[in-house]
């Protein structure tokens, strides 16, 4: 799993739709890749990271299923590593979501 975030300014439109719990719903939603590639920036990087986390979770679930079905071509070690990668990726996504929500709350509570 590669999480590469390039430095780019965060536009107000990127944070305008973020609400507590919105990131979790976005992680499960299917998103078209063409729009993400065209827009670029922070939202595309975030969408790509969430898709990477989702792919890691799907891979670990498939490997778990194969181990349970006693497929000899799938090793237990490979499955455990895939599960750990999926857990670490999910925890990182939750931390990023929490930081974004906190930043949004701080911005909204600022006095102008």
Protein backbone atom coordinates (compact mmCIF):
# COMPACT_ATOMS: atom_id res chain seq x y z
CA UNK A 1 0.00 0.00 0.00
CA UNK A 2 1.48 3.31 -1.07
CA UNK A 3 0.29 6.51 0.55
CA UNK A 4 1.92 9.31 -1.36
CA UNK A 5 0.74 12.82 -0.66
CA UNK A 6 2.36 15.62 -2.56
CA UNK A 7 2.37 19.08 -1.07
CA UNK A 8 -0.39 21.15 -2.56
CA UNK A 9 -2.47 23.99 -1.17
CA UNK A 10 -5.80 22.92 0.30
CA UNK A 11 -8.63 24.73 -1.37
CA UNK A 12 -11.73 25.70 0.62
CA UNK A 13 -13.83 23.58 -1.74
CA UNK A 14 -11.87 20.48 -0.68
CA UNK A 15 -12.91 20.96 2.96
CA UNK A 16 -16.38 22.41 2.43
CA UNK A 17 -18.19 19.08 2.28
CA UNK A 18 -16.43 17.35 5.18
CA UNK A 19 -18.69 16.53 8.10
CA UNK A 20 -18.08 14.19 11.03
CA UNK A 21 -18.72 10.67 9.75
CA UNK A 22 -18.64 11.73 6.09
CA UNK A 23 -15.22 10.19 5.48
CA UNK A 24 -16.40 6.76 6.60
CA UNK A 25 -19.31 6.89 4.17
CA UNK A 26 -16.99 8.05 1.39
CA UNK A 27 -14.64 5.13 1.99
CA UNK A 28 -17.38 2.64 1.17
CA UNK A 29 -18.76 4.49 -1.84
CA UNK A 30 -17.73 3.60 -5.37
CA UNK A 31 -16.08 6.58 -7.02
CA UNK A 32 -15.39 7.13 -10.72
CA UNK A 33 -11.66 7.34 -11.43
CA UNK A 34 -11.85 9.67 -14.44
CA UNK A 35 -13.07 12.66 -12.43
CA UNK A 36 -10.36 12.15 -9.80
CA UNK A 37 -7.58 12.09 -12.37
CA UNK A 38 -8.82 15.28 -14.02
CA UNK A 39 -9.21 17.35 -10.83
CA UNK A 40 -5.94 16.32 -9.15
CA UNK A 41 -4.91 17.88 -5.86
CA UNK A 42 -5.83 16.96 -2.34
CA UNK A 43 -9.18 15.33 -3.04
CA UNK A 44 -7.67 13.03 -5.68
CA UNK A 45 -4.86 12.02 -3.31
CA UNK A 46 -7.37 11.31 -0.55
CA UNK A 47 -9.63 9.34 -2.89
CA UNK A 48 -6.66 7.30 -4.11
CA UNK A 49 -5.55 6.56 -0.55
CA UNK A 50 -9.05 5.42 0.40
CA UNK A 51 -9.24 3.20 -2.67
CA UNK A 52 -5.87 1.71 -1.74
CA UNK A 53 -7.11 0.94 1.79
CA UNK A 54 -10.26 -0.61 0.37
CA UNK A 55 -8.24 -2.76 -2.03
CA UNK A 56 -6.02 -3.98 0.82
CA UNK A 57 -9.09 -4.91 2.86
CA UNK A 58 -10.65 -6.75 -0.07
CA UNK A 59 -7.40 -8.66 -0.68
CA UNK A 60 -7.14 -9.68 2.98
CA UNK A 61 -10.77 -10.86 3.00
CA UNK A 62 -10.20 -12.93 -0.13
CA UNK A 63 -7.08 -14.50 1.35
CA UNK A 64 -8.93 -15.25 4.61
CA UNK A 65 -11.67 -16.97 2.64
CA UNK A 66 -9.11 -19.07 0.73
CA UNK A 67 -7.39 -20.11 3.97
CA UNK A 68 -10.73 -21.11 5.46
CA UNK A 69 -11.46 -23.19 2.36
CA UNK A 70 -8.06 -24.85 2.87
CA UNK A 71 -6.62 -23.76 -0.47
CA UNK A 72 -3.06 -25.17 -0.52
CA UNK A 73 -1.74 -22.35 -2.73
CA UNK A 74 -2.46 -19.69 -0.07
CA UNK A 75 -0.19 -19.57 2.96
CA UNK A 76 -1.26 -18.52 6.41
CA UNK A 77 1.71 -16.17 6.69
CA UNK A 78 0.74 -14.32 3.51
CA UNK A 79 -2.80 -13.99 4.83
CA UNK A 80 -1.67 -12.64 8.19
CA UNK A 81 0.59 -10.06 6.53
CA UNK A 82 -2.29 -8.93 4.29
CA UNK A 83 -4.57 -8.61 7.32
CA UNK A 84 -1.97 -6.49 9.16
CA UNK A 85 -1.49 -4.25 6.11
CA UNK A 86 -5.25 -3.74 5.87
CA UNK A 87 -5.48 -2.92 9.59
CA UNK A 88 -2.63 -0.42 9.45
CA UNK A 89 -4.09 1.25 6.37
CA UNK A 90 -7.53 1.50 7.96
CA UNK A 91 -6.10 2.95 11.17
CA UNK A 92 -4.16 5.53 9.15
CA UNK A 93 -7.32 6.47 7.24
CA UNK A 94 -9.24 6.89 10.51
CA UNK A 95 -6.48 9.09 11.93
CA UNK A 96 -6.47 11.26 8.80
CA UNK A 97 -10.25 11.54 8.96
CA UNK A 98 -10.13 12.56 12.62
CA UNK A 99 -7.46 15.18 11.92
CA UNK A 100 -9.48 16.60 9.02
CA UNK A 101 -12.63 16.80 11.13
CA UNK A 102 -10.67 18.48 13.94
CA UNK A 103 -9.13 20.97 11.50
CA UNK A 104 -12.55 21.72 10.03
CA UNK A 105 -14.00 22.23 13.50
CA UNK A 106 -11.11 24.54 14.45
CA UNK A 107 -11.60 26.60 11.30
CA UNK A 108 -15.35 26.85 11.82
CA UNK A 109 -14.86 27.96 15.47
CA UNK A 110 -12.38 30.72 14.56
CA UNK A 111 -13.49 34.26 15.20
CA UNK A 112 -13.12 36.55 12.25
